[in-house]
Amino acid sequence: MTMRNKILLIGAIAFVAYVVGSRAATVQVNKGESVRHQLVRMWNDPKAKKERAKAAKKAAKAAEKALDKVRR
């Protein structure tokens, strides 16, 4: 694997991570609530869990496609 391909693969993974993060489900934040509690509540939100599962499948598929392309 050449250096250029490695950089492109890392860039593609970073882009997918950015898109997944920007589209993640948002949860309303209550004033006076600790940051830790907000994170736990957001992590356990059913909508967020569903989005994480979809994003993980999509990222795995994209990574497999990128690896197949690199191997050829």
C-alpha atoms as a PDB file:
ATOM      1  CA  MET A   1       0.000   0.000   0.000  1.00  0.00           C
ATOM      2  CA  THR A   2       1.532   3.251  -1.045  1.00  0.00           C
ATOM      3  CA  MET A   3       1.665   6.313   1.174  1.00  0.00           C
ATOM      4  CA  ARG A   4      -0.857   8.101  -1.050  1.00  0.00           C
ATOM      5  CA  ASN A   5      -3.402   5.292  -0.633  1.00  0.00           C
ATOM      6  CA  LYS A   6      -2.911   5.306   3.135  1.00  0.00           C
ATOM      7  CA  ILE A   7      -3.504   9.049   3.278  1.00  0.00           C
ATOM      8  CA  LEU A   8      -6.629   8.703   1.133  1.00  0.00           C
ATOM      9  CA  LEU A   9      -7.938   5.878   3.344  1.00  0.00           C
ATOM     10  CA  ILE A  10      -7.328   7.884   6.528  1.00  0.00           C
ATOM     11  CA  GLY A  11      -8.995  10.910   4.917  1.00  0.00           C
ATOM     12  CA  ALA A  12     -12.011   8.819   3.908  1.00  0.00           C
ATOM     13  CA  ILE A  13     -12.347   7.431   7.441  1.00  0.00           C
ATOM     14  CA  ALA A  14     -12.064  10.936   8.909  1.00  0.00           C
ATOM     15  CA  PHE A  15     -14.731  12.199   6.508  1.00  0.00           C
ATOM     16  CA  VAL A  16     -17.106   9.356   7.406  1.00  0.00           C
ATOM     17  CA  ALA A  17     -16.516  10.027  11.116  1.00  0.00           C
ATOM     18  CA  TYR A  18     -17.262  13.731  10.610  1.00  0.00           C
ATOM     19  CA  VAL A  19     -20.481  13.017   8.710  1.00  0.00           C
ATOM     20  CA  VAL A  20     -21.633  10.473  11.290  1.00  0.00           C
ATOM     21  CA  GLY A  21     -20.886  12.904  14.104  1.00  0.00           C
ATOM     22  CA  SER A  22     -22.648  15.796  12.426  1.00  0.00           C
ATOM     23  CA  ARG A  23     -25.774  13.733  11.772  1.00  0.00           C
ATOM     24  CA  ALA A  24     -25.937  12.140  15.217  1.00  0.00           C
ATOM     25  CA  ALA A  25     -29.210  12.480  17.047  1.00  0.00           C
ATOM     26  CA  THR A  26     -29.400  15.498  19.313  1.00  0.00           C
ATOM     27  CA  VAL A  27     -30.917  15.454  22.771  1.00  0.00           C
ATOM     28  CA  GLN A  28     -32.280  18.489  24.593  1.00  0.00           C
ATOM     29  CA  VAL A  29     -29.977  19.707  27.381  1.00  0.00           C
ATOM     30  CA  ASN A  30     -31.476  20.738  30.712  1.00  0.00           C
ATOM     31  CA  LYS A  31     -29.874  23.599  32.632  1.00  0.00           C
ATOM     32  CA  GLY A  32     -28.131  22.578  35.843  1.00  0.00           C
ATOM     33  CA  GLU A  33     -27.540  19.063  34.567  1.00  0.00           C
ATOM     34  CA  SER A  34     -23.985  17.741  34.820  1.00  0.00           C
ATOM     35  CA  VAL A  35     -22.066  17.098  31.615  1.00  0.00           C
ATOM     36  CA  ARG A  36     -21.633  13.456  32.569  1.00  0.00           C
ATOM     37  CA  HIS A  37     -25.369  13.020  33.072  1.00  0.00           C
ATOM     38  CA  GLN A  38     -26.075  14.721  29.739  1.00  0.00           C
ATOM     39  CA  LEU A  39     -23.672  12.361  27.960  1.00  0.00           C
ATOM     40  CA  VAL A  40     -25.161   9.282  29.617  1.00  0.00           C
ATOM     41  CA  ARG A  41     -28.689  10.408  28.737  1.00  0.00           C
ATOM     42  CA  MET A  42     -27.688  11.126  25.147  1.00  0.00           C
ATOM     43  CA  TRP A  43     -25.857   7.773  24.817  1.00  0.00           C
ATOM     44  CA  ASN A  44     -28.893   5.840  26.106  1.00  0.00           C
ATOM     45  CA  ASP A  45     -31.394   7.678  23.900  1.00  0.00           C
ATOM     46  CA  PRO A  46     -33.124   5.116  21.608  1.00  0.00           C
ATOM     47  CA  LYS A  47     -32.912   7.422  18.583  1.00  0.00           C
ATOM     48  CA  ALA A  48     -29.174   7.891  19.128  1.00  0.00           C
ATOM     49  CA  LYS A  49     -28.652   4.133  19.494  1.00  0.00           C
ATOM     50  CA  LYS A  50     -30.466   3.532  16.222  1.00  0.00           C
ATOM     51  CA  GLU A  51     -28.384   6.187  14.438  1.00  0.00           C
ATOM     52  CA  ARG A  52     -25.136   4.752  15.843  1.00  0.00           C
ATOM     53  CA  ALA A  53     -26.064   1.284  14.590  1.00  0.00           C
ATOM     54  CA  LYS A  54     -26.898   2.623  11.111  1.00  0.00           C
ATOM     55  CA  ALA A  55     -23.698   4.660  11.020  1.00  0.00           C
ATOM     56  CA  ALA A  56     -21.602   1.676  12.103  1.00  0.00           C
ATOM     57  CA  LYS A  57     -23.056  -0.498   9.336  1.00  0.00           C
ATOM     58  CA  LYS A  58     -22.515   2.252   6.775  1.00  0.00           C
ATOM     59  CA  ALA A  59     -18.916   2.849   7.909  1.00  0.00           C
ATOM     60  CA  ALA A  60     -18.124  -0.875   7.842  1.00  0.00           C
ATOM     61  CA  LYS A  61     -19.521  -1.156   4.332  1.00  0.00           C
ATOM     62  CA  ALA A  62     -17.528   1.880   3.174  1.00  0.00           C
ATOM     63  CA  ALA A  63     -14.338   0.552   4.769  1.00  0.00           C
ATOM     64  CA  GLU A  64     -14.802  -2.844   3.119  1.00  0.00           C
ATOM     65  CA  LYS A  65     -15.367  -1.161  -0.240  1.00  0.00           C
ATOM     66  CA  ALA A  66     -12.258   1.007   0.217  1.00  0.00           C
ATOM     67  CA  LEU A  67     -10.149  -2.022   1.151  1.00  0.00           C
ATOM     68  CA  ASP A  68     -11.381  -3.956  -1.885  1.00  0.00           C
ATOM     69  CA  LYS A  69     -10.460  -0.999  -4.081  1.00  0.00           C
ATOM     70  CA  VAL A  70      -6.986  -0.754  -2.528  1.00  0.00           C
ATOM     71  CA  ARG A  71      -6.329  -4.501  -2.887  1.00  0.00           C
ATOM     72  CA  ARG A  72      -6.953  -4.430  -6.651  1.00  0.00           C
END
